[in-house]
Amino acid sequence: MIYSIHSSGRADTDVAVIFEWIANRSPEGAHRWLDAFEAAVNNLRQNAPDCDFATEAEDLGIDLRHTMFRTRRGQVYRLLFVIHDDQEYLAGVRGPGRDVVSVEDVDLPE
């Protein structure tokens, strides 16, 4: 099954903040990061149900899943999402060294 993907305001903000932080250090690196992010999102279109539940899903009481993606320099990022029917909702993006998410850190559909 191919899923329709919707990005939350929080996920959009996370992407913009991470992109800007990297771009201030390496504009080329920021574009490579964005390519890795987009590849992870595209992979979710078909493989979302195979992704693990996020570590904090049980504590939050939601079916929050995650997939990891890695940059060329080896930095690991987490793409957080939920599946509802045949749609995925990107709830947030976490960078290296970031704590587990809290309810305030994810943006879920109503």
C-alpha atoms as a PDB file:
ATOM      1  CA  MET A   1       0.000   0.000   0.000  1.00  0.00           C
ATOM      2  CA  ILE A   2       1.236   3.489  -0.810  1.00  0.00           C
ATOM      3  CA  TYR A   3       0.487   6.037   1.898  1.00  0.00           C
ATOM      4  CA  SER A   4      -0.392   9.674   1.528  1.00  0.00           C
ATOM      5  CA  ILE A   5       1.929  11.795   3.679  1.00  0.00           C
ATOM      6  CA  HIS A   6       0.974  14.997   5.475  1.00  0.00           C
ATOM      7  CA  SER A   7       3.479  17.134   7.290  1.00  0.00           C
ATOM      8  CA  SER A   8       2.528  18.863  10.525  1.00  0.00           C
ATOM      9  CA  GLY A   9       3.472  22.419  11.347  1.00  0.00           C
ATOM     10  CA  ARG A  10       5.867  21.063  13.953  1.00  0.00           C
ATOM     11  CA  ALA A  11       7.594  18.799  11.441  1.00  0.00           C
ATOM     12  CA  ASP A  12       7.890  21.681   8.969  1.00  0.00           C
ATOM     13  CA  THR A  13       9.415  23.858  11.691  1.00  0.00           C
ATOM     14  CA  ASP A  14      11.836  21.114  12.734  1.00  0.00           C
ATOM     15  CA  VAL A  15      12.992  20.692   9.137  1.00  0.00           C
ATOM     16  CA  ALA A  16      13.462  24.449   8.688  1.00  0.00           C
ATOM     17  CA  VAL A  17      15.406  24.831  11.944  1.00  0.00           C
ATOM     18  CA  ILE A  18      17.695  21.881  11.231  1.00  0.00           C
ATOM     19  CA  PHE A  19      18.247  22.993   7.638  1.00  0.00           C
ATOM     20  CA  GLU A  20      19.097  26.539   8.723  1.00  0.00           C
ATOM     21  CA  TRP A  21      21.469  25.343  11.469  1.00  0.00           C
ATOM     22  CA  ILE A  22      23.359  23.154   9.014  1.00  0.00           C
ATOM     23  CA  ALA A  23      23.265  25.816   6.258  1.00  0.00           C
ATOM     24  CA  ASN A  24      24.973  28.312   8.568  1.00  0.00           C
ATOM     25  CA  ARG A  25      27.890  25.891   8.724  1.00  0.00           C
ATOM     26  CA  SER A  26      27.729  24.268   5.291  1.00  0.00           C
ATOM     27  CA  PRO A  27      25.189  25.272   2.639  1.00  0.00           C
ATOM     28  CA  GLU A  28      26.069  22.187   0.610  1.00  0.00           C
ATOM     29  CA  GLY A  29      25.694  20.002   3.703  1.00  0.00           C
ATOM     30  CA  ALA A  30      22.247  21.451   4.351  1.00  0.00           C
ATOM     31  CA  HIS A  31      21.098  20.448   0.877  1.00  0.00           C
ATOM     32  CA  ARG A  32      22.522  16.955   1.336  1.00  0.00           C
ATOM     33  CA  TRP A  33      20.656  16.729   4.665  1.00  0.00           C
ATOM     34  CA  LEU A  34      17.436  17.769   2.927  1.00  0.00           C
ATOM     35  CA  ASP A  35      18.021  15.092   0.274  1.00  0.00           C
ATOM     36  CA  ALA A  36      18.438  12.457   3.033  1.00  0.00           C
ATOM     37  CA  PHE A  37      15.282  13.700   4.766  1.00  0.00           C
ATOM     38  CA  GLU A  38      13.261  13.581   1.530  1.00  0.00           C
ATOM     39  CA  ALA A  39      14.548  10.063   0.772  1.00  0.00           C
ATOM     40  CA  ALA A  40      13.382   8.949   4.232  1.00  0.00           C
ATOM     41  CA  VAL A  41       9.944  10.480   3.645  1.00  0.00           C
ATOM     42  CA  ASN A  42       9.662   8.807   0.245  1.00  0.00           C
ATOM     43  CA  ASN A  43      10.658   5.478   1.783  1.00  0.00           C
ATOM     44  CA  LEU A  44       7.785   5.826   4.253  1.00  0.00           C
ATOM     45  CA  ARG A  45       5.246   5.936   1.423  1.00  0.00           C
ATOM     46  CA  GLN A  46       5.571   2.168   1.070  1.00  0.00           C
ATOM     47  CA  ASN A  47       7.339   0.960   4.205  1.00  0.00           C
ATOM     48  CA  ALA A  48       5.721   2.844   7.096  1.00  0.00           C
ATOM     49  CA  PRO A  49       4.082  -0.195   8.748  1.00  0.00           C
ATOM     50  CA  ASP A  50       7.504  -1.864   8.928  1.00  0.00           C
ATOM     51  CA  CYS A  51       8.921   0.959  11.056  1.00  0.00           C
ATOM     52  CA  ASP A  52       9.319   0.503  14.793  1.00  0.00           C
ATOM     53  CA  PHE A  53       7.319   2.320  17.407  1.00  0.00           C
ATOM     54  CA  ALA A  54       9.233   5.215  18.917  1.00  0.00           C
ATOM     55  CA  THR A  55      10.775   4.538  22.311  1.00  0.00           C
ATOM     56  CA  GLU A  56       8.494   7.069  23.952  1.00  0.00           C
ATOM     57  CA  ALA A  57       5.265   5.887  22.242  1.00  0.00           C
ATOM     58  CA  GLU A  58       4.059   3.864  25.225  1.00  0.00           C
ATOM     59  CA  ASP A  59       4.736   6.689  27.686  1.00  0.00           C
ATOM     60  CA  LEU A  60       2.891   9.146  25.435  1.00  0.00           C
ATOM     61  CA  GLY A  61      -0.012   6.754  24.901  1.00  0.00           C
ATOM     62  CA  ILE A  62       0.058   7.185  21.121  1.00  0.00           C
ATOM     63  CA  ASP A  63       1.118   4.945  18.245  1.00  0.00           C
ATOM     64  CA  LEU A  64       4.095   7.129  17.440  1.00  0.00           C
ATOM     65  CA  ARG A  65       6.525   5.481  15.054  1.00  0.00           C
ATOM     66  CA  HIS A  66       9.914   6.514  13.855  1.00  0.00           C
ATOM     67  CA  THR A  67      12.434   5.849  11.166  1.00  0.00           C
ATOM     68  CA  MET A  68      16.055   6.816  11.269  1.00  0.00           C
ATOM     69  CA  PHE A  69      17.992   8.410   8.482  1.00  0.00           C
ATOM     70  CA  ARG A  70      21.669   9.159   8.303  1.00  0.00           C
ATOM     71  CA  THR A  71      23.613  11.929   6.671  1.00  0.00           C
ATOM     72  CA  ARG A  72      26.740  11.358   4.643  1.00  0.00           C
ATOM     73  CA  ARG A  73      28.765  12.421   7.673  1.00  0.00           C
ATOM     74  CA  GLY A  74      27.062   9.764   9.787  1.00  0.00           C
ATOM     75  CA  GLN A  75      24.707  11.948  11.828  1.00  0.00           C
ATOM     76  CA  VAL A  76      21.496  10.096  12.691  1.00  0.00           C
ATOM     77  CA  TYR A  77      18.110  11.816  12.679  1.00  0.00           C
ATOM     78  CA  ARG A  78      14.689  10.476  13.639  1.00  0.00           C
ATOM     79  CA  LEU A  79      11.576  11.121  11.611  1.00  0.00           C
ATOM     80  CA  LEU A  80       8.522  10.744  13.870  1.00  0.00           C
ATOM     81  CA  PHE A  81       5.115   9.894  12.429  1.00  0.00           C
ATOM     82  CA  VAL A  82       1.767   8.253  13.016  1.00  0.00           C
ATOM     83  CA  ILE A  83      -0.292   6.150  10.628  1.00  0.00           C
ATOM     84  CA  HIS A  84      -4.023   6.726  10.420  1.00  0.00           C
ATOM     85  CA  ASP A  85      -5.948   4.694   7.841  1.00  0.00           C
ATOM     86  CA  ASP A  86      -4.013   5.132   4.594  1.00  0.00           C
ATOM     87  CA  GLN A  87      -2.336   8.375   5.627  1.00  0.00           C
ATOM     88  CA  GLU A  88       0.837   9.220   7.476  1.00  0.00           C
ATOM     89  CA  TYR A  89       1.305  12.314   9.543  1.00  0.00           C
ATOM     90  CA  LEU A  90       4.837  13.551  10.049  1.00  0.00           C
ATOM     91  CA  ALA A  91       4.874  14.659  13.658  1.00  0.00           C
ATOM     92  CA  GLY A  92       8.436  15.884  14.050  1.00  0.00           C
ATOM     93  CA  VAL A  93      12.126  15.470  13.290  1.00  0.00           C
ATOM     94  CA  ARG A  94      14.765  14.968  15.977  1.00  0.00           C
ATOM     95  CA  GLY A  95      18.463  15.570  15.499  1.00  0.00           C
ATOM     96  CA  PRO A  96      21.454  13.944  17.171  1.00  0.00           C
ATOM     97  CA  GLY A  97      21.632  14.426  20.908  1.00  0.00           C
ATOM     98  CA  ARG A  98      18.012  15.526  21.280  1.00  0.00           C
ATOM     99  CA  ASP A  99      16.016  14.052  24.143  1.00  0.00           C
ATOM    100  CA  VAL A 100      13.040  11.792  23.651  1.00  0.00           C
ATOM    101  CA  VAL A 101       9.907  13.673  22.693  1.00  0.00           C
ATOM    102  CA  SER A 102       7.126  14.790  25.001  1.00  0.00           C
ATOM    103  CA  VAL A 103       3.499  15.412  24.102  1.00  0.00           C
ATOM    104  CA  GLU A 104       4.361  19.074  23.478  1.00  0.00           C
ATOM    105  CA  ASP A 105       7.075  18.059  20.994  1.00  0.00           C
ATOM    106  CA  VAL A 106       4.788  16.317  18.519  1.00  0.00           C
ATOM    107  CA  ASP A 107       2.045  17.702  16.361  1.00  0.00           C
ATOM    108  CA  LEU A 108      -0.651  15.116  15.671  1.00  0.00           C
ATOM    109  CA  PRO A 109      -3.824  15.291  13.595  1.00  0.00           C
ATOM    110  CA  GLU A 110      -7.037  16.091  15.399  1.00  0.00           C
END
